[in-house]
């Protein structure tokens, strides 16, 4: 039940932050196994970012029920061992060359448990450096996903800018053709007008000659 709670919490944050076409829940990203990662997020570069949720709720309860400092230290050591084990397993299952990011995200669905993680010296660095695993809580996950979203937005804006630039280039070319066509039409029209005027002049001359001839016939 705690595992499902973590998955539901993860899905809620992902749906709130990312566009619908940039993630898949319960995704089988490794064709060689039947393992399914809780969420596969598409990065702006086209790689898959595997995100898997854990809760460790039992250890959190034990920590706050412990009556001595030594007991709390032991529980933190047990939590550290569990997280390191999970980080190793997740990186081995879900990091694939040329298809995923070079790290996997271990999502812990409770800021209170994240507070315990922060009490364990070098745990985050150990997971990231030696197990290629990034540990995040709800707040950090939302910020991380928002960065991914902005990356997708920037790429989309760049693609739209390219489309606009191509349209402008096409329009500019068409306007140049239109200007040339207009110039040719004006030239042809002026030529036609000149020809009509020349014909009209000849008609006028011919009319005068015919009138003279007609008057000459009348006198005879």
N, C-alpha and C. Protein backbone atom coordinates (compact mmCIF):
# COMPACT_ATOMS: atom_id res chain seq x y z
N UNK A 1 0.83 -1.21 0.00
CA UNK A 1 0.00 0.00 0.00
C UNK A 1 0.86 1.25 0.00
N UNK A 2 1.97 1.23 0.75
CA UNK A 2 2.85 2.40 0.76
C UNK A 2 3.51 2.59 -0.61
N UNK A 3 3.81 1.46 -1.29
CA UNK A 3 4.38 1.56 -2.63
C UNK A 3 3.42 2.22 -3.59
N UNK A 4 2.14 1.83 -3.52
CA UNK A 4 1.12 2.44 -4.39
C UNK A 4 0.95 3.91 -4.06
N UNK A 5 1.03 4.26 -2.79
CA UNK A 5 0.90 5.66 -2.38
C UNK A 5 2.00 6.50 -3.02
N UNK A 6 3.21 5.94 -3.02
CA UNK A 6 4.32 6.65 -3.65
C UNK A 6 4.11 6.82 -5.14
N UNK A 7 3.60 5.78 -5.80
CA UNK A 7 3.35 5.85 -7.24
C UNK A 7 2.27 6.88 -7.57
N UNK A 8 1.19 6.88 -6.77
CA UNK A 8 0.11 7.84 -7.02
C UNK A 8 0.60 9.28 -6.82
N UNK A 9 1.42 9.45 -5.79
CA UNK A 9 1.97 10.78 -5.54
C UNK A 9 2.86 11.23 -6.69
N UNK A 10 3.67 10.31 -7.19
CA UNK A 10 4.54 10.60 -8.33
C UNK A 10 3.71 10.97 -9.56
N UNK A 11 2.69 10.17 -9.84
CA UNK A 11 1.85 10.43 -11.01
C UNK A 11 1.16 11.78 -10.92
N UNK A 12 0.72 12.15 -9.72
CA UNK A 12 0.04 13.42 -9.54
C UNK A 12 0.96 14.60 -9.87
N UNK A 13 2.20 14.54 -9.40
CA UNK A 13 3.14 15.64 -9.67
C UNK A 13 3.50 15.70 -11.15
N UNK A 14 3.76 14.54 -11.74
CA UNK A 14 4.12 14.49 -13.16
C UNK A 14 3.00 15.06 -14.03
N UNK A 15 1.76 14.65 -13.76
CA UNK A 15 0.62 15.14 -14.55
C UNK A 15 0.44 16.65 -14.40
N UNK A 16 0.72 17.16 -13.20
CA UNK A 16 0.55 18.60 -12.95
C UNK A 16 1.59 19.45 -13.67
N UNK A 17 2.79 18.89 -13.88
CA UNK A 17 3.90 19.71 -14.38
C UNK A 17 4.16 19.51 -15.87
N UNK A 18 4.14 18.27 -16.35
CA UNK A 18 4.60 17.99 -17.71
C UNK A 18 3.45 17.89 -18.72
N UNK A 19 3.73 18.23 -19.98
CA UNK A 19 2.76 17.98 -21.06
C UNK A 19 2.49 16.48 -21.20
N UNK A 20 1.29 16.13 -21.63
CA UNK A 20 0.86 14.74 -21.62
C UNK A 20 1.70 13.84 -22.53
N UNK A 21 2.32 14.38 -23.55
CA UNK A 21 3.06 13.54 -24.50
C UNK A 21 4.53 13.38 -24.13
N UNK A 22 4.91 13.76 -22.91
CA UNK A 22 6.33 13.70 -22.54
C UNK A 22 6.62 12.68 -21.44
N UNK A 23 5.65 11.84 -21.10
CA UNK A 23 5.90 10.85 -20.05
C UNK A 23 5.01 9.62 -20.25
N UNK A 24 5.43 8.53 -19.60
CA UNK A 24 4.65 7.28 -19.63
C UNK A 24 4.81 6.59 -18.28
N UNK A 25 3.70 6.18 -17.69
CA UNK A 25 3.74 5.48 -16.42
C UNK A 25 3.85 3.97 -16.64
N UNK A 26 4.51 3.31 -15.71
CA UNK A 26 4.72 1.85 -15.78
C UNK A 26 5.25 1.46 -17.16
N UNK A 27 6.38 2.05 -17.50
CA UNK A 27 6.95 1.87 -18.84
C UNK A 27 8.04 0.79 -18.82
N UNK A 28 8.00 -0.07 -19.81
CA UNK A 28 9.04 -1.08 -19.97
C UNK A 28 10.09 -0.51 -20.91
N UNK A 29 11.13 0.06 -20.34
CA UNK A 29 12.13 0.75 -21.15
C UNK A 29 13.32 -0.12 -21.51
N UNK A 30 13.46 -1.25 -20.82
CA UNK A 30 14.54 -2.17 -21.11
C UNK A 30 13.96 -3.40 -21.82
N UNK A 31 14.22 -3.57 -23.12
CA UNK A 31 13.63 -4.68 -23.87
C UNK A 31 14.12 -6.05 -23.42
N UNK A 32 15.20 -6.07 -22.65
CA UNK A 32 15.76 -7.36 -22.23
C UNK A 32 15.13 -7.88 -20.93
N UNK A 33 14.32 -7.07 -20.27
CA UNK A 33 13.68 -7.50 -19.03
C UNK A 33 12.19 -7.12 -19.06
N UNK A 34 11.44 -7.66 -18.12
CA UNK A 34 10.02 -7.31 -18.00
C UNK A 34 9.81 -6.25 -16.93
N UNK A 35 10.90 -5.73 -16.38
CA UNK A 35 10.80 -4.70 -15.34
C UNK A 35 10.17 -3.43 -15.91
N UNK A 36 9.29 -2.81 -15.13
CA UNK A 36 8.65 -1.56 -15.54
C UNK A 36 8.98 -0.46 -14.55
N UNK A 37 9.50 0.64 -15.06
CA UNK A 37 9.81 1.77 -14.21
C UNK A 37 8.52 2.55 -13.95
N UNK A 38 8.41 3.15 -12.76
CA UNK A 38 7.17 3.85 -12.40
C UNK A 38 6.84 4.96 -13.39
N UNK A 39 7.84 5.68 -13.84
CA UNK A 39 7.59 6.76 -14.81
C UNK A 39 8.80 6.95 -15.71
N UNK A 40 8.57 7.03 -17.01
CA UNK A 40 9.62 7.33 -17.98
C UNK A 40 9.33 8.70 -18.57
N UNK A 41 10.20 9.63 -18.32
CA UNK A 41 10.03 11.01 -18.79
C UNK A 41 10.94 11.25 -19.98
N UNK A 42 10.38 11.84 -21.02
CA UNK A 42 11.17 12.15 -22.21
C UNK A 42 11.88 13.48 -22.00
N UNK A 43 13.20 13.45 -22.10
CA UNK A 43 13.97 14.68 -21.94
C UNK A 43 13.90 15.50 -23.22
N UNK A 44 14.22 16.82 -23.16
CA UNK A 44 14.23 17.64 -24.37
C UNK A 44 15.17 17.10 -25.45
N UNK A 45 16.20 16.37 -25.04
CA UNK A 45 17.15 15.80 -26.00
C UNK A 45 16.65 14.49 -26.59
N UNK A 46 15.51 13.99 -26.12
CA UNK A 46 14.95 12.76 -26.66
C UNK A 46 15.31 11.51 -25.89
N UNK A 47 16.08 11.64 -24.81
CA UNK A 47 16.42 10.48 -23.98
C UNK A 47 15.33 10.26 -22.92
N UNK A 48 15.27 9.04 -22.40
CA UNK A 48 14.31 8.71 -21.35
C UNK A 48 14.96 8.92 -19.99
N UNK A 49 14.24 9.61 -19.10
CA UNK A 49 14.69 9.78 -17.72
C UNK A 49 13.86 8.82 -16.85
N UNK A 50 14.45 7.74 -16.32
CA UNK A 50 13.69 6.81 -15.48
C UNK A 50 13.47 7.38 -14.09
N UNK A 51 12.23 7.32 -13.60
CA UNK A 51 11.92 7.78 -12.25
C UNK A 51 11.17 6.66 -11.53
N UNK A 52 11.69 6.25 -10.37
CA UNK A 52 11.04 5.19 -9.61
C UNK A 52 10.81 5.69 -8.19
N UNK A 53 9.65 5.37 -7.63
CA UNK A 53 9.28 5.90 -6.31
C UNK A 53 9.50 4.87 -5.20
N UNK A 54 9.97 5.39 -4.07
CA UNK A 54 10.10 4.59 -2.84
C UNK A 54 9.58 5.45 -1.69
N UNK A 55 9.19 4.79 -0.58
CA UNK A 55 8.64 5.58 0.53
C UNK A 55 9.38 5.40 1.85
N UNK A 56 9.78 4.16 2.19
CA UNK A 56 10.52 3.89 3.44
C UNK A 56 9.74 4.36 4.66
N UNK A 57 8.43 4.24 4.59
CA UNK A 57 7.59 4.76 5.68
C UNK A 57 7.83 4.04 6.99
N UNK A 58 8.08 2.71 6.93
CA UNK A 58 8.29 1.95 8.16
C UNK A 58 9.49 2.45 8.93
N UNK A 59 10.57 2.77 8.23
CA UNK A 59 11.77 3.27 8.91
C UNK A 59 11.54 4.64 9.52
N UNK A 60 10.74 5.44 8.85
CA UNK A 60 10.41 6.77 9.38
C UNK A 60 9.65 6.62 10.71
N UNK A 61 8.69 5.70 10.75
CA UNK A 61 7.92 5.49 11.98
C UNK A 61 8.82 4.96 13.10
N UNK A 62 9.70 4.03 12.76
CA UNK A 62 10.61 3.48 13.76
C UNK A 62 11.53 4.57 14.32
N UNK A 63 11.97 5.47 13.45
CA UNK A 63 12.87 6.54 13.90
C UNK A 63 12.18 7.41 14.95
N UNK A 64 10.92 7.76 14.69
CA UNK A 64 10.22 8.66 15.62
C UNK A 64 9.69 7.92 16.85
N UNK A 65 9.67 6.60 16.80
CA UNK A 65 9.27 5.82 17.97
C UNK A 65 10.48 5.42 18.82
N UNK A 66 11.69 5.62 18.28
CA UNK A 66 12.90 5.22 19.00
C UNK A 66 13.07 6.09 20.25
N UNK A 67 13.55 5.46 21.32
CA UNK A 67 13.68 6.16 22.60
C UNK A 67 15.11 6.62 22.89
N UNK A 68 16.07 6.14 22.10
CA UNK A 68 17.46 6.53 22.37
C UNK A 68 18.14 7.00 21.11
N UNK A 69 19.21 7.75 21.31
CA UNK A 69 19.99 8.25 20.19
C UNK A 69 20.63 7.11 19.41
N UNK A 70 21.10 6.11 20.12
CA UNK A 70 21.74 4.97 19.46
C UNK A 70 20.75 4.25 18.54
N UNK A 71 19.51 4.10 19.03
CA UNK A 71 18.49 3.44 18.21
C UNK A 71 18.22 4.24 16.93
N UNK A 72 18.19 5.55 17.08
CA UNK A 72 17.95 6.41 15.91
C UNK A 72 19.12 6.31 14.92
N UNK A 73 20.32 6.25 15.43
CA UNK A 73 21.48 6.11 14.56
C UNK A 73 21.41 4.80 13.78
N UNK A 74 21.02 3.72 14.47
CA UNK A 74 20.89 2.42 13.80
C UNK A 74 19.81 2.46 12.71
N UNK A 75 18.71 3.13 13.01
CA UNK A 75 17.62 3.22 12.02
C UNK A 75 18.06 4.03 10.81
N UNK A 76 18.80 5.11 11.04
CA UNK A 76 19.32 5.90 9.92
C UNK A 76 20.30 5.07 9.09
N UNK A 77 21.10 4.25 9.76
CA UNK A 77 22.04 3.37 9.05
C UNK A 77 21.26 2.36 8.21
N UNK A 78 20.19 1.82 8.76
CA UNK A 78 19.34 0.88 8.02
C UNK A 78 18.69 1.56 6.83
N UNK A 79 18.22 2.82 7.01
CA UNK A 79 17.62 3.59 5.91
C UNK A 79 18.66 3.85 4.82
N UNK A 80 19.87 4.21 5.23
CA UNK A 80 20.94 4.45 4.26
C UNK A 80 21.25 3.21 3.45
N UNK A 81 21.35 2.07 4.12
CA UNK A 81 21.64 0.81 3.42
C UNK A 81 20.52 0.48 2.42
N UNK A 82 19.27 0.70 2.83
CA UNK A 82 18.14 0.40 1.94
C UNK A 82 18.16 1.30 0.70
N UNK A 83 18.45 2.57 0.91
CA UNK A 83 18.48 3.51 -0.22
C UNK A 83 19.63 3.18 -1.16
N UNK A 84 20.80 2.87 -0.61
CA UNK A 84 21.95 2.51 -1.45
C UNK A 84 21.66 1.24 -2.26
N UNK A 85 21.01 0.28 -1.62
CA UNK A 85 20.65 -0.96 -2.31
C UNK A 85 19.67 -0.68 -3.45
N UNK A 86 18.65 0.14 -3.16
CA UNK A 86 17.66 0.47 -4.18
C UNK A 86 18.30 1.26 -5.32
N UNK A 87 19.18 2.19 -4.98
CA UNK A 87 19.84 3.01 -6.00
C UNK A 87 20.65 2.14 -6.95
N UNK A 88 21.36 1.17 -6.40
CA UNK A 88 22.15 0.25 -7.22
C UNK A 88 21.24 -0.56 -8.14
N UNK A 89 20.15 -1.08 -7.59
CA UNK A 89 19.23 -1.90 -8.38
C UNK A 89 18.58 -1.08 -9.49
N UNK A 90 18.16 0.13 -9.18
CA UNK A 90 17.50 0.97 -10.18
C UNK A 90 18.44 1.34 -11.32
N UNK A 91 19.66 1.70 -10.99
CA UNK A 91 20.62 2.08 -12.03
C UNK A 91 20.95 0.90 -12.94
N UNK A 92 21.04 -0.29 -12.35
CA UNK A 92 21.34 -1.47 -13.16
C UNK A 92 20.18 -1.87 -14.07
N UNK A 93 18.95 -1.66 -13.60
CA UNK A 93 17.78 -2.06 -14.38
C UNK A 93 17.39 -1.05 -15.45
N UNK A 94 17.57 0.24 -15.18
CA UNK A 94 16.93 1.23 -16.04
C UNK A 94 17.87 2.17 -16.80
N UNK A 95 19.15 2.15 -16.52
CA UNK A 95 20.06 3.01 -17.28
C UNK A 95 20.59 2.23 -18.48
N UNK A 96 20.26 2.73 -19.67
CA UNK A 96 20.64 2.06 -20.92
C UNK A 96 21.41 3.03 -21.80
N UNK A 97 22.50 2.56 -22.36
CA UNK A 97 23.33 3.42 -23.21
C UNK A 97 22.55 3.89 -24.44
N UNK A 98 22.65 5.17 -24.72
CA UNK A 98 22.08 5.81 -25.92
C UNK A 98 20.55 5.89 -25.95
N UNK A 99 19.88 5.42 -24.89
CA UNK A 99 18.42 5.52 -24.91
C UNK A 99 17.86 6.18 -23.64
N UNK A 100 18.63 6.12 -22.54
CA UNK A 100 18.19 6.79 -21.32
C UNK A 100 19.24 7.81 -20.89
N UNK A 101 18.84 8.64 -19.93
CA UNK A 101 19.82 9.52 -19.29
C UNK A 101 20.86 8.67 -18.58
N UNK A 102 21.99 9.29 -18.22
CA UNK A 102 23.04 8.52 -17.54
C UNK A 102 22.82 8.47 -16.03
N UNK A 103 21.60 8.74 -15.62
CA UNK A 103 21.23 8.64 -14.21
C UNK A 103 19.76 8.25 -14.12
N UNK A 104 19.38 7.70 -12.97
CA UNK A 104 17.99 7.37 -12.69
C UNK A 104 17.56 8.20 -11.48
N UNK A 105 16.28 8.57 -11.42
CA UNK A 105 15.76 9.37 -10.32
C UNK A 105 15.07 8.47 -9.31
N UNK A 106 15.53 8.51 -8.06
CA UNK A 106 14.88 7.80 -6.97
C UNK A 106 14.00 8.81 -6.23
N UNK A 107 12.70 8.65 -6.40
CA UNK A 107 11.76 9.59 -5.81
C UNK A 107 11.26 9.08 -4.47
N UNK A 108 11.45 9.87 -3.42
CA UNK A 108 10.95 9.54 -2.09
C UNK A 108 9.76 10.47 -1.82
N UNK A 109 8.58 9.87 -1.71
CA UNK A 109 7.34 10.64 -1.74
C UNK A 109 6.95 11.23 -0.39
N UNK A 110 7.92 11.79 0.33
CA UNK A 110 7.62 12.42 1.62
C UNK A 110 8.76 13.37 1.99
N UNK A 111 8.42 14.63 2.24
CA UNK A 111 9.45 15.58 2.65
C UNK A 111 9.99 15.24 4.04
N UNK A 112 9.17 14.60 4.87
CA UNK A 112 9.63 14.22 6.22
C UNK A 112 10.70 13.14 6.14
N UNK A 113 10.52 12.21 5.21
CA UNK A 113 11.55 11.17 5.04
C UNK A 113 12.79 11.76 4.38
N UNK A 114 12.59 12.72 3.50
CA UNK A 114 13.74 13.43 2.90
C UNK A 114 14.55 14.12 3.99
N UNK A 115 13.88 14.64 5.00
CA UNK A 115 14.61 15.25 6.13
C UNK A 115 15.53 14.23 6.80
N UNK A 116 15.07 13.00 6.91
CA UNK A 116 15.92 11.95 7.48
C UNK A 116 17.11 11.66 6.56
N UNK A 117 16.83 11.63 5.25
CA UNK A 117 17.90 11.38 4.28
C UNK A 117 18.98 12.46 4.40
N UNK A 118 18.54 13.69 4.63
CA UNK A 118 19.49 14.80 4.74
C UNK A 118 20.36 14.71 5.99
N UNK A 119 19.92 13.91 6.96
CA UNK A 119 20.73 13.72 8.17
C UNK A 119 21.85 12.71 7.96
N UNK A 120 21.79 11.97 6.88
CA UNK A 120 22.79 10.92 6.62
C UNK A 120 23.91 11.52 5.77
N UNK A 121 25.06 11.65 6.34
CA UNK A 121 26.19 12.30 5.67
C UNK A 121 26.56 11.60 4.36
N UNK A 122 26.68 12.41 3.32
CA UNK A 122 27.20 11.97 2.01
C UNK A 122 26.33 10.94 1.30
N UNK A 123 25.12 10.69 1.79
CA UNK A 123 24.28 9.67 1.14
C UNK A 123 23.89 10.10 -0.28
N UNK A 124 23.46 11.33 -0.41
CA UNK A 124 23.06 11.81 -1.74
C UNK A 124 24.24 11.75 -2.72
N UNK A 125 25.40 12.22 -2.27
CA UNK A 125 26.58 12.23 -3.13
C UNK A 125 27.03 10.82 -3.48
N UNK A 126 26.94 9.92 -2.52
CA UNK A 126 27.30 8.52 -2.75
C UNK A 126 26.40 7.90 -3.82
N UNK A 127 25.09 8.17 -3.72
CA UNK A 127 24.15 7.62 -4.69
C UNK A 127 24.39 8.20 -6.08
N UNK A 128 24.66 9.50 -6.16
CA UNK A 128 24.84 10.14 -7.46
C UNK A 128 26.17 9.76 -8.09
N UNK A 129 27.22 9.78 -7.31
CA UNK A 129 28.56 9.54 -7.87
C UNK A 129 28.81 8.07 -8.19
N UNK A 130 28.40 7.17 -7.31
CA UNK A 130 28.75 5.76 -7.46
C UNK A 130 27.61 4.87 -7.94
N UNK A 131 26.38 5.40 -7.90
CA UNK A 131 25.24 4.59 -8.35
C UNK A 131 24.39 5.32 -9.37
N UNK A 132 24.85 6.46 -9.83
CA UNK A 132 24.16 7.24 -10.87
C UNK A 132 22.67 7.43 -10.55
N UNK A 133 22.40 7.73 -9.29
CA UNK A 133 21.02 7.87 -8.84
C UNK A 133 20.83 9.22 -8.15
N UNK A 134 19.85 9.95 -8.62
CA UNK A 134 19.51 11.25 -8.05
C UNK A 134 18.34 11.08 -7.09
N UNK A 135 18.52 11.47 -5.83
CA UNK A 135 17.45 11.37 -4.82
C UNK A 135 16.68 12.68 -4.76
N UNK A 136 15.36 12.61 -4.90
CA UNK A 136 14.53 13.83 -4.83
C UNK A 136 13.27 13.54 -4.01
N UNK A 137 12.79 14.59 -3.35
CA UNK A 137 11.50 14.53 -2.68
C UNK A 137 10.46 15.26 -3.54
N UNK A 138 9.25 15.44 -3.01
CA UNK A 138 8.18 16.07 -3.80
C UNK A 138 8.53 17.46 -4.31
N UNK A 139 9.10 18.31 -3.47
CA UNK A 139 9.42 19.67 -3.90
C UNK A 139 10.52 19.67 -4.96
N UNK A 140 11.56 18.89 -4.71
CA UNK A 140 12.67 18.82 -5.67
C UNK A 140 12.22 18.20 -6.99
N UNK A 141 11.33 17.21 -6.91
CA UNK A 141 10.84 16.58 -8.14
C UNK A 141 10.07 17.58 -8.99
N UNK A 142 9.20 18.38 -8.35
CA UNK A 142 8.43 19.38 -9.10
C UNK A 142 9.37 20.37 -9.78
N UNK A 143 10.41 20.81 -9.08
CA UNK A 143 11.38 21.73 -9.69
C UNK A 143 12.16 21.07 -10.81
N UNK A 144 12.54 19.81 -10.62
CA UNK A 144 13.27 19.06 -11.65
C UNK A 144 12.42 18.92 -12.92
N UNK A 145 11.16 18.51 -12.73
CA UNK A 145 10.27 18.32 -13.88
C UNK A 145 9.96 19.65 -14.58
N UNK A 146 9.90 20.72 -13.81
CA UNK A 146 9.65 22.03 -14.42
C UNK A 146 10.81 22.43 -15.32
N UNK A 147 12.02 22.06 -14.93
CA UNK A 147 13.18 22.32 -15.79
C UNK A 147 13.07 21.53 -17.09
N UNK A 148 12.63 20.27 -16.98
CA UNK A 148 12.41 19.45 -18.18
C UNK A 148 11.35 20.08 -19.07
N UNK A 149 10.27 20.55 -18.44
CA UNK A 149 9.17 21.18 -19.20
C UNK A 149 9.66 22.41 -19.94
N UNK A 150 10.46 23.23 -19.27
CA UNK A 150 10.99 24.43 -19.91
C UNK A 150 11.90 24.07 -21.08
N UNK A 151 12.62 22.95 -20.94
CA UNK A 151 13.45 22.49 -22.05
C UNK A 151 12.62 22.14 -23.26
N UNK A 152 11.51 21.42 -23.03
CA UNK A 152 10.60 21.09 -24.14
C UNK A 152 9.99 22.35 -24.74
N UNK A 153 9.64 23.30 -23.87
CA UNK A 153 9.04 24.56 -24.34
C UNK A 153 10.03 25.33 -25.21
N UNK A 154 11.29 25.36 -24.78
CA UNK A 154 12.31 26.08 -25.55
C UNK A 154 12.50 25.46 -26.93
N UNK A 155 12.51 24.12 -26.98
CA UNK A 155 12.66 23.44 -28.26
C UNK A 155 11.46 23.72 -29.16
N UNK A 156 10.25 23.70 -28.57
CA UNK A 156 9.05 23.98 -29.36
C UNK A 156 9.07 25.41 -29.88
N UNK A 157 9.49 26.34 -29.04
CA UNK A 157 9.58 27.74 -29.48
C UNK A 157 10.59 27.89 -30.60
N UNK A 158 11.70 27.16 -30.50
CA UNK A 158 12.73 27.22 -31.53
C UNK A 158 12.20 26.65 -32.85
N UNK A 159 11.44 25.54 -32.75
CA UNK A 159 10.85 24.94 -33.95
C UNK A 159 9.84 25.90 -34.58
N UNK A 160 9.02 26.55 -33.74
CA UNK A 160 8.04 27.50 -34.25
C UNK A 160 8.73 28.70 -34.89
N UNK A 161 9.84 29.14 -34.28
CA UNK A 161 10.58 30.26 -34.84
C UNK A 161 11.13 29.91 -36.22
N UNK A 162 11.60 28.67 -36.37
CA UNK A 162 12.11 28.23 -37.66
C UNK A 162 10.99 28.20 -38.70
N UNK A 163 9.78 27.74 -38.28
CA UNK A 163 8.65 27.70 -39.20
C UNK A 163 8.26 29.11 -39.64
N UNK A 164 8.25 30.04 -38.67
CA UNK A 164 7.92 31.44 -38.99
C UNK A 164 8.96 32.01 -39.94
N UNK A 165 10.24 31.73 -39.67
CA UNK A 165 11.30 32.24 -40.53
C UNK A 165 11.16 31.70 -41.95
N UNK A 166 10.84 30.40 -42.08
CA UNK A 166 10.64 29.80 -43.40
C UNK A 166 9.46 30.43 -44.12
N UNK A 167 8.38 30.68 -43.37
CA UNK A 167 7.20 31.32 -43.97
C UNK A 167 7.53 32.73 -44.46
N UNK A 168 8.28 33.46 -43.65
CA UNK A 168 8.68 34.82 -44.04
C UNK A 168 9.53 34.79 -45.30
N UNK A 169 10.45 33.81 -45.35
CA UNK A 169 11.29 33.70 -46.55
C UNK A 169 10.45 33.41 -47.79
N UNK A 170 9.47 32.50 -47.65
CA UNK A 170 8.59 32.18 -48.78
C UNK A 170 7.80 33.40 -49.20
N UNK A 171 7.25 34.12 -48.23
CA UNK A 171 6.46 35.31 -48.53
C UNK A 171 7.31 36.37 -49.21
N UNK A 172 8.55 36.53 -48.74
CA UNK A 172 9.44 37.53 -49.34
C UNK A 172 9.73 37.18 -50.80
N UNK A 173 9.96 35.88 -51.05
CA UNK A 173 10.20 35.44 -52.42
C UNK A 173 8.98 35.69 -53.30
N UNK A 174 7.80 35.36 -52.75
CA UNK A 174 6.56 35.55 -53.52
C UNK A 174 6.30 37.02 -53.79
N UNK A 175 6.60 37.88 -52.80
CA UNK A 175 6.41 39.32 -53.01
C UNK A 175 7.35 39.86 -54.08
N UNK A 176 8.58 39.32 -54.11
CA UNK A 176 9.52 39.74 -55.15
C UNK A 176 8.99 39.35 -56.52
N UNK A 177 8.45 38.10 -56.59
CA UNK A 177 7.86 37.66 -57.86
C UNK A 177 6.66 38.52 -58.22
N UNK A 178 5.87 38.87 -57.21
CA UNK A 178 4.69 39.70 -57.46
C UNK A 178 5.09 41.08 -57.96
N UNK A 179 6.14 41.65 -57.33
CA UNK A 179 6.61 42.97 -57.78
C UNK A 179 7.07 42.92 -59.22
N UNK A 180 7.82 41.86 -59.58
CA UNK A 180 8.30 41.74 -60.95
C UNK A 180 7.13 41.57 -61.92
N UNK A 181 6.16 40.75 -61.50
CA UNK A 181 4.97 40.54 -62.35
C UNK A 181 4.21 41.84 -62.53
N UNK A 182 4.11 42.62 -61.46
CA UNK A 182 3.43 43.92 -61.53
C UNK A 182 4.17 44.87 -62.46
N UNK A 183 5.49 44.90 -62.33
CA UNK A 183 6.29 45.76 -63.22
C UNK A 183 6.10 45.36 -64.67
N UNK A 184 6.12 44.05 -64.92
CA UNK A 184 5.92 43.58 -66.30
C UNK A 184 4.53 43.95 -66.81
N UNK A 185 3.54 43.84 -65.90
CA UNK A 185 2.18 44.18 -66.31
C UNK A 185 2.06 45.66 -66.64
N UNK A 186 2.71 46.51 -65.85
CA UNK A 186 2.68 47.95 -66.10
C UNK A 186 3.34 48.27 -67.44
N UNK A 187 4.49 47.61 -67.68
CA UNK A 187 5.19 47.83 -68.95
C UNK A 187 4.31 47.42 -70.12
N UNK A 188 3.72 46.23 -69.99
CA UNK A 188 2.84 45.74 -71.06
C UNK A 188 1.62 46.64 -71.25
N UNK A 189 1.09 47.13 -70.12
CA UNK A 189 -0.07 48.00 -70.20
C UNK A 189 0.29 49.32 -70.87
N UNK A 190 1.44 49.87 -70.50
CA UNK A 190 1.88 51.12 -71.14
C UNK A 190 2.10 50.92 -72.62
N UNK A 191 2.67 49.77 -72.97
CA UNK A 191 2.89 49.47 -74.39
C UNK A 191 1.56 49.37 -75.13
N UNK A 192 0.59 48.71 -74.46
CA UNK A 192 -0.73 48.57 -75.08
C UNK A 192 -1.39 49.93 -75.26
N UNK A 193 -1.26 50.79 -74.24
CA UNK A 193 -1.85 52.13 -74.33
C UNK A 193 -1.22 52.91 -75.48
N UNK A 194 0.11 52.81 -75.58
CA UNK A 194 0.80 53.51 -76.67
C UNK A 194 0.33 53.02 -78.03
N UNK A 195 0.13 51.67 -78.12
CA UNK A 195 -0.34 51.13 -79.39
C UNK A 195 -1.75 51.61 -79.71
N UNK A 196 -2.61 51.64 -78.64
CA UNK A 196 -3.97 52.13 -78.86
C UNK A 196 -3.95 53.59 -79.29
N UNK A 197 -3.10 54.38 -78.64
CA UNK A 197 -3.01 55.80 -79.01
C UNK A 197 -2.52 55.95 -80.45
N UNK A 198 -1.55 55.11 -80.87
CA UNK A 198 -1.05 55.18 -82.25
C UNK A 198 -2.15 54.82 -83.23
N UNK A 199 -2.92 53.77 -82.86
CA UNK A 199 -4.03 53.36 -83.74
C UNK A 199 -5.07 54.46 -83.81
N UNK A 200 -5.35 55.08 -82.64
CA UNK A 200 -6.34 56.15 -82.62
C UNK A 200 -5.89 57.33 -83.49
N UNK A 201 -4.57 57.60 -83.43
CA UNK A 201 -4.02 58.69 -84.28
C UNK A 201 -4.21 58.38 -85.75
N UNK A 202 -3.93 57.14 -86.12
CA UNK A 202 -4.11 56.75 -87.52
C UNK A 202 -5.58 56.80 -87.91
N UNK A 203 -6.45 56.40 -86.99
CA UNK A 203 -7.88 56.46 -87.27
C UNK A 203 -8.32 57.90 -87.47
N UNK A 204 -7.79 58.79 -86.64
CA UNK A 204 -8.13 60.21 -86.77
C UNK A 204 -7.67 60.77 -88.12
N UNK A 205 -6.43 60.38 -88.48
CA UNK A 205 -5.90 60.84 -89.78
C UNK A 205 -6.74 60.30 -90.91
N UNK A 206 -7.06 59.00 -90.82
CA UNK A 206 -7.88 58.38 -91.86
C UNK A 206 -9.26 59.02 -91.92
N UNK A 207 -9.78 59.35 -90.77
CA UNK A 207 -11.10 60.01 -90.73
C UNK A 207 -11.07 61.35 -91.41
N UNK A 208 -10.01 62.11 -91.18
CA UNK A 208 -9.91 63.42 -91.82
C UNK A 208 -9.78 63.28 -93.33
N UNK A 209 -9.00 62.28 -93.76
CA UNK A 209 -8.83 62.07 -95.19
C UNK A 209 -10.14 61.67 -95.84
N UNK A 210 -10.89 60.79 -95.14
CA UNK A 210 -12.18 60.38 -95.69
C UNK A 210 -13.15 61.55 -95.76
N UNK A 211 -13.09 62.43 -94.77
CA UNK A 211 -13.96 63.60 -94.76
C UNK A 211 -13.65 64.52 -95.92
N UNK A 212 -12.34 64.71 -96.18
CA UNK A 212 -11.94 65.54 -97.30
C UNK A 212 -12.41 64.94 -98.61
N UNK A 213 -12.25 63.63 -98.72
CA UNK A 213 -12.67 62.97 -99.95
C UNK A 213 -14.18 63.10 -100.13
N UNK A 214 -14.91 62.99 -99.06
CA UNK A 214 -16.36 63.09 -99.13
C UNK A 214 -16.78 64.50 -99.56
N UNK A 215 -16.12 65.50 -99.02
CA UNK A 215 -16.43 66.89 -99.39
C UNK A 215 -16.09 67.13 -100.84
N UNK A 216 -15.02 66.52 -101.33
CA UNK A 216 -14.61 66.70 -102.73
C UNK A 216 -15.67 66.11 -103.68
N UNK A 217 -16.22 64.94 -103.29
CA UNK A 217 -17.25 64.30 -104.10
C UNK A 217 -18.50 65.18 -104.15
N UNK A 218 -18.84 65.79 -103.02
CA UNK A 218 -20.03 66.63 -102.95
C UNK A 218 -19.90 67.83 -103.89
N UNK A 219 -18.71 68.42 -103.97
CA UNK A 219 -18.51 69.59 -104.85
C UNK A 219 -18.62 69.20 -106.33
N UNK A 220 -18.21 67.99 -106.64
CA UNK A 220 -18.29 67.57 -108.02
C UNK A 220 -19.75 67.16 -108.36
